[in-house]
Amino acid sequence: MSALKSKFWLDALIRRAESAFASAYVIRRGDEDAGAILVKVVSGPQLAHLYVPSRDDQGERIWTRRSETDEASLDAYCHKRAGQDPDIWIVEIDDRQGRHFLTEPVDIL
């Protein structure tokens, strides 16, 4: 089974968030076919979580939540990753409940 293209997957994520009355924005556009996607969830003033894709032992995509919650630190991390990977996407979801709308399991670092 082939993986979904990044843009298609991201469009679906945005629709899921918006259908639950959250706001979702593409902060940085990446490669439409195979760009990695970082998902930042903002749930309050200066409170955010960043979800980064990785692979489990079976090669399936899982999401890892970075431990820091300071929005400025997460933005700096995103900026650094974008400098290293020009194909990366960054999406921000604003949701007071802190929902990420990712269907895969999420691990916390």
N, C-alpha and C. Protein backbone atom coordinates (compact mmCIF):
# COMPACT_ATOMS: atom_id res chain seq x y z
N MET A 1 0.85 -1.18 0.00
CA MET A 1 0.00 0.00 0.00
C MET A 1 0.88 1.23 0.00
N SER A 2 0.61 2.19 -0.87
CA SER A 2 1.43 3.39 -0.94
C SER A 2 0.96 4.42 0.07
N ALA A 3 1.88 5.26 0.49
CA ALA A 3 1.57 6.30 1.47
C ALA A 3 0.82 7.44 0.79
N LEU A 4 -0.01 8.13 1.57
CA LEU A 4 -0.71 9.29 1.05
C LEU A 4 0.27 10.41 0.77
N LYS A 5 -0.02 11.19 -0.24
CA LYS A 5 0.80 12.36 -0.53
C LYS A 5 0.61 13.37 0.60
N SER A 6 1.66 14.10 0.91
CA SER A 6 1.66 15.03 2.04
C SER A 6 0.53 16.05 1.95
N LYS A 7 0.34 16.67 0.81
CA LYS A 7 -0.68 17.71 0.68
C LYS A 7 -2.07 17.13 0.90
N PHE A 8 -2.33 15.95 0.35
CA PHE A 8 -3.63 15.31 0.51
C PHE A 8 -3.89 15.00 1.99
N TRP A 9 -2.89 14.43 2.67
CA TRP A 9 -3.02 14.10 4.09
C TRP A 9 -3.24 15.37 4.91
N LEU A 10 -2.49 16.42 4.61
CA LEU A 10 -2.60 17.67 5.35
C LEU A 10 -3.96 18.33 5.13
N ASP A 11 -4.46 18.31 3.91
CA ASP A 11 -5.80 18.85 3.65
C ASP A 11 -6.85 18.13 4.49
N ALA A 12 -6.72 16.81 4.63
CA ALA A 12 -7.66 16.04 5.44
C ALA A 12 -7.54 16.42 6.92
N LEU A 13 -6.33 16.62 7.41
CA LEU A 13 -6.12 17.02 8.80
C LEU A 13 -6.79 18.38 9.06
N ILE A 14 -6.59 19.31 8.15
CA ILE A 14 -7.20 20.64 8.31
C ILE A 14 -8.72 20.53 8.31
N ARG A 15 -9.27 19.73 7.43
CA ARG A 15 -10.73 19.55 7.41
C ARG A 15 -11.23 18.94 8.72
N ARG A 16 -10.50 17.94 9.27
CA ARG A 16 -10.90 17.35 10.56
C ARG A 16 -10.91 18.40 11.66
N ALA A 17 -9.87 19.22 11.70
CA ALA A 17 -9.79 20.25 12.74
C ALA A 17 -10.92 21.27 12.59
N GLU A 18 -11.12 21.75 11.38
CA GLU A 18 -12.14 22.77 11.16
C GLU A 18 -13.54 22.22 11.39
N SER A 19 -13.78 20.95 11.11
CA SER A 19 -15.11 20.38 11.36
C SER A 19 -15.40 20.27 12.86
N ALA A 20 -14.36 20.32 13.68
CA ALA A 20 -14.51 20.29 15.14
C ALA A 20 -14.39 21.70 15.73
N PHE A 21 -14.52 22.72 14.88
CA PHE A 21 -14.51 24.12 15.28
C PHE A 21 -13.17 24.59 15.83
N ALA A 22 -12.09 23.99 15.37
CA ALA A 22 -10.74 24.47 15.66
C ALA A 22 -10.25 25.20 14.40
N SER A 23 -9.24 26.01 14.55
CA SER A 23 -8.64 26.70 13.41
C SER A 23 -7.35 25.99 13.03
N ALA A 24 -7.11 25.88 11.74
CA ALA A 24 -5.88 25.23 11.26
C ALA A 24 -5.30 26.06 10.14
N TYR A 25 -3.99 26.27 10.19
CA TYR A 25 -3.30 27.11 9.22
C TYR A 25 -2.02 26.43 8.75
N VAL A 26 -1.75 26.54 7.47
CA VAL A 26 -0.46 26.09 6.95
C VAL A 26 0.51 27.24 7.16
N ILE A 27 1.50 27.04 7.99
CA ILE A 27 2.50 28.06 8.30
C ILE A 27 3.63 28.02 7.27
N ARG A 28 3.95 26.83 6.81
CA ARG A 28 5.02 26.67 5.82
C ARG A 28 4.63 25.53 4.88
N ARG A 29 4.68 25.82 3.60
CA ARG A 29 4.39 24.81 2.58
C ARG A 29 5.66 24.03 2.24
N GLY A 30 5.50 22.74 2.10
CA GLY A 30 6.61 21.88 1.75
C GLY A 30 6.34 21.15 0.45
N ASP A 31 7.05 20.06 0.25
CA ASP A 31 6.87 19.25 -0.94
C ASP A 31 5.49 18.58 -0.89
N GLU A 32 4.71 18.75 -1.96
CA GLU A 32 3.34 18.25 -1.96
C GLU A 32 3.25 16.73 -1.99
N ASP A 33 4.28 16.07 -2.46
CA ASP A 33 4.24 14.62 -2.56
C ASP A 33 4.77 13.91 -1.32
N ALA A 34 5.93 14.33 -0.83
CA ALA A 34 6.59 13.55 0.22
C ALA A 34 7.19 14.38 1.34
N GLY A 35 6.78 15.64 1.49
CA GLY A 35 7.34 16.47 2.56
C GLY A 35 6.87 16.01 3.93
N ALA A 36 7.77 16.02 4.91
CA ALA A 36 7.40 15.72 6.30
C ALA A 36 6.50 16.84 6.81
N ILE A 37 5.70 16.52 7.82
CA ILE A 37 4.75 17.50 8.36
C ILE A 37 4.94 17.61 9.86
N LEU A 38 5.14 18.84 10.34
CA LEU A 38 5.16 19.13 11.77
C LEU A 38 3.81 19.73 12.12
N VAL A 39 3.22 19.29 13.23
CA VAL A 39 1.91 19.77 13.64
C VAL A 39 2.05 20.47 15.00
N LYS A 40 1.84 21.78 14.99
CA LYS A 40 1.89 22.55 16.24
C LYS A 40 0.46 22.82 16.69
N VAL A 41 0.18 22.50 17.95
CA VAL A 41 -1.15 22.71 18.52
C VAL A 41 -1.04 23.77 19.61
N VAL A 42 -1.75 24.88 19.41
CA VAL A 42 -1.75 25.97 20.38
C VAL A 42 -3.07 25.90 21.15
N SER A 43 -2.96 25.80 22.49
CA SER A 43 -4.17 25.67 23.29
C SER A 43 -4.39 26.84 24.25
N GLY A 44 -3.48 27.79 24.26
CA GLY A 44 -3.63 28.95 25.12
C GLY A 44 -2.45 29.87 24.93
N PRO A 45 -2.48 31.01 25.63
CA PRO A 45 -1.37 31.95 25.51
C PRO A 45 -0.03 31.30 25.90
N GLN A 46 0.86 31.27 24.96
CA GLN A 46 2.21 30.71 25.16
C GLN A 46 2.21 29.23 25.56
N LEU A 47 1.12 28.51 25.30
CA LEU A 47 1.06 27.09 25.60
C LEU A 47 0.81 26.33 24.30
N ALA A 48 1.77 25.49 23.94
CA ALA A 48 1.66 24.76 22.68
C ALA A 48 2.36 23.41 22.80
N HIS A 49 2.02 22.53 21.87
CA HIS A 49 2.68 21.23 21.75
C HIS A 49 3.04 21.05 20.29
N LEU A 50 4.13 20.36 20.05
CA LEU A 50 4.56 20.09 18.69
C LEU A 50 4.62 18.58 18.50
N TYR A 51 3.98 18.11 17.44
CA TYR A 51 3.96 16.70 17.10
C TYR A 51 4.82 16.48 15.86
N VAL A 52 5.76 15.55 15.99
CA VAL A 52 6.75 15.27 14.96
C VAL A 52 6.57 13.83 14.50
N PRO A 53 6.54 13.60 13.17
CA PRO A 53 6.36 12.22 12.71
C PRO A 53 7.64 11.40 12.87
N SER A 54 7.46 10.13 13.15
CA SER A 54 8.57 9.17 13.18
C SER A 54 8.00 7.82 12.79
N ARG A 55 8.82 6.79 12.83
CA ARG A 55 8.37 5.44 12.44
C ARG A 55 8.54 4.49 13.62
N ASP A 56 7.60 3.55 13.75
CA ASP A 56 7.73 2.54 14.79
C ASP A 56 8.53 1.35 14.25
N ASP A 57 8.61 0.28 15.03
CA ASP A 57 9.39 -0.90 14.64
C ASP A 57 8.90 -1.58 13.37
N GLN A 58 7.62 -1.41 13.06
CA GLN A 58 7.05 -2.01 11.85
C GLN A 58 7.06 -1.06 10.66
N GLY A 59 7.65 0.13 10.84
CA GLY A 59 7.71 1.10 9.75
C GLY A 59 6.48 1.96 9.61
N GLU A 60 5.56 1.85 10.56
CA GLU A 60 4.34 2.66 10.52
C GLU A 60 4.62 4.04 11.12
N ARG A 61 3.94 5.05 10.56
CA ARG A 61 4.12 6.40 11.09
C ARG A 61 3.44 6.54 12.44
N ILE A 62 4.17 7.11 13.38
CA ILE A 62 3.63 7.48 14.68
C ILE A 62 3.99 8.93 14.92
N TRP A 63 3.35 9.53 15.89
CA TRP A 63 3.61 10.94 16.21
C TRP A 63 4.24 11.03 17.59
N THR A 64 5.30 11.81 17.68
CA THR A 64 6.00 12.03 18.93
C THR A 64 5.77 13.47 19.35
N ARG A 65 5.34 13.65 20.59
CA ARG A 65 5.13 15.01 21.11
C ARG A 65 6.39 15.48 21.79
N ARG A 66 6.89 16.64 21.38
CA ARG A 66 8.07 17.22 22.03
C ARG A 66 7.70 17.66 23.43
N SER A 67 8.64 17.55 24.35
CA SER A 67 8.33 17.78 25.76
C SER A 67 8.14 19.25 26.11
N GLU A 68 8.82 20.17 25.42
CA GLU A 68 8.67 21.57 25.78
C GLU A 68 7.30 22.09 25.31
N THR A 69 6.75 23.04 26.07
CA THR A 69 5.44 23.59 25.74
C THR A 69 5.49 25.09 25.49
N ASP A 70 6.67 25.68 25.60
CA ASP A 70 6.83 27.11 25.33
C ASP A 70 6.75 27.34 23.82
N GLU A 71 5.80 28.16 23.40
CA GLU A 71 5.58 28.35 21.97
C GLU A 71 6.81 28.91 21.25
N ALA A 72 7.54 29.81 21.89
CA ALA A 72 8.73 30.37 21.26
C ALA A 72 9.79 29.30 21.01
N SER A 73 9.96 28.38 21.95
CA SER A 73 10.92 27.29 21.77
C SER A 73 10.50 26.36 20.63
N LEU A 74 9.20 26.09 20.55
CA LEU A 74 8.71 25.23 19.47
C LEU A 74 8.86 25.91 18.12
N ASP A 75 8.61 27.21 18.07
CA ASP A 75 8.79 27.95 16.81
C ASP A 75 10.26 27.93 16.38
N ALA A 76 11.17 28.07 17.33
CA ALA A 76 12.60 28.02 17.01
C ALA A 76 12.97 26.64 16.46
N TYR A 77 12.42 25.58 17.05
CA TYR A 77 12.67 24.23 16.56
C TYR A 77 12.15 24.08 15.13
N CYS A 78 10.95 24.57 14.87
CA CYS A 78 10.37 24.49 13.52
C CYS A 78 11.23 25.24 12.52
N HIS A 79 11.70 26.41 12.91
CA HIS A 79 12.55 27.21 12.02
C HIS A 79 13.85 26.46 11.71
N LYS A 80 14.42 25.85 12.73
CA LYS A 80 15.66 25.08 12.52
C LYS A 80 15.41 23.90 11.58
N ARG A 81 14.32 23.15 11.80
CA ARG A 81 14.01 22.01 10.94
C ARG A 81 13.76 22.46 9.50
N ALA A 82 13.09 23.59 9.32
CA ALA A 82 12.83 24.11 7.97
C ALA A 82 14.14 24.48 7.28
N GLY A 83 15.13 24.95 8.03
CA GLY A 83 16.43 25.26 7.46
C GLY A 83 17.17 24.01 7.02
N GLN A 84 16.91 22.90 7.70
CA GLN A 84 17.56 21.63 7.37
C GLN A 84 16.82 20.85 6.28
N ASP A 85 15.52 21.07 6.17
CA ASP A 85 14.69 20.30 5.23
C ASP A 85 13.76 21.24 4.47
N PRO A 86 14.12 21.61 3.25
CA PRO A 86 13.28 22.56 2.50
C PRO A 86 11.93 21.97 2.09
N ASP A 87 11.73 20.66 2.23
CA ASP A 87 10.48 20.03 1.84
C ASP A 87 9.45 19.93 2.96
N ILE A 88 9.81 20.40 4.16
CA ILE A 88 8.96 20.20 5.33
C ILE A 88 7.75 21.14 5.34
N TRP A 89 6.63 20.63 5.83
CA TRP A 89 5.42 21.41 6.03
C TRP A 89 5.30 21.71 7.52
N ILE A 90 4.72 22.87 7.85
CA ILE A 90 4.40 23.19 9.24
C ILE A 90 2.96 23.66 9.27
N VAL A 91 2.16 23.00 10.09
CA VAL A 91 0.76 23.38 10.24
C VAL A 91 0.51 23.72 11.71
N GLU A 92 -0.32 24.73 11.93
CA GLU A 92 -0.67 25.12 13.29
C GLU A 92 -2.17 24.94 13.47
N ILE A 93 -2.52 24.29 14.57
CA ILE A 93 -3.92 24.11 14.93
C ILE A 93 -4.15 24.87 16.22
N ASP A 94 -5.11 25.79 16.20
CA ASP A 94 -5.48 26.54 17.40
C ASP A 94 -6.75 25.91 17.95
N ASP A 95 -6.64 25.35 19.16
CA ASP A 95 -7.76 24.66 19.76
C ASP A 95 -7.63 24.76 21.28
N ARG A 96 -8.58 25.40 21.92
CA ARG A 96 -8.52 25.59 23.38
C ARG A 96 -8.46 24.27 24.14
N GLN A 97 -8.99 23.21 23.56
CA GLN A 97 -8.96 21.90 24.21
C GLN A 97 -7.65 21.16 23.96
N GLY A 98 -6.79 21.70 23.09
CA GLY A 98 -5.49 21.09 22.82
C GLY A 98 -5.56 19.84 21.97
N ARG A 99 -6.62 19.68 21.19
CA ARG A 99 -6.75 18.49 20.34
C ARG A 99 -5.82 18.60 19.13
N HIS A 100 -5.22 17.47 18.76
CA HIS A 100 -4.28 17.47 17.63
C HIS A 100 -4.90 16.90 16.37
N PHE A 101 -5.98 16.13 16.47
CA PHE A 101 -6.70 15.56 15.33
C PHE A 101 -5.87 14.56 14.53
N LEU A 102 -4.82 14.04 15.12
CA LEU A 102 -4.02 13.00 14.50
C LEU A 102 -4.64 11.66 14.87
N THR A 103 -4.76 10.78 13.92
CA THR A 103 -5.41 9.51 14.19
C THR A 103 -4.43 8.43 14.64
N GLU A 104 -3.16 8.64 14.40
CA GLU A 104 -2.14 7.66 14.79
C GLU A 104 -1.81 7.83 16.27
N PRO A 105 -1.19 6.80 16.86
CA PRO A 105 -0.77 6.91 18.26
C PRO A 105 0.25 8.04 18.44
N VAL A 106 0.25 8.66 19.61
CA VAL A 106 1.17 9.74 19.93
C VAL A 106 1.99 9.35 21.13
N ASP A 107 3.33 9.41 21.01
CA ASP A 107 4.24 9.15 22.13
C ASP A 107 4.75 10.50 22.65
N ILE A 108 5.13 10.56 23.91
CA ILE A 108 5.68 11.78 24.50
C ILE A 108 7.15 11.56 24.79
N LEU A 109 8.00 12.46 24.28
CA LEU A 109 9.44 12.37 24.55
C LEU A 109 9.75 12.87 25.94
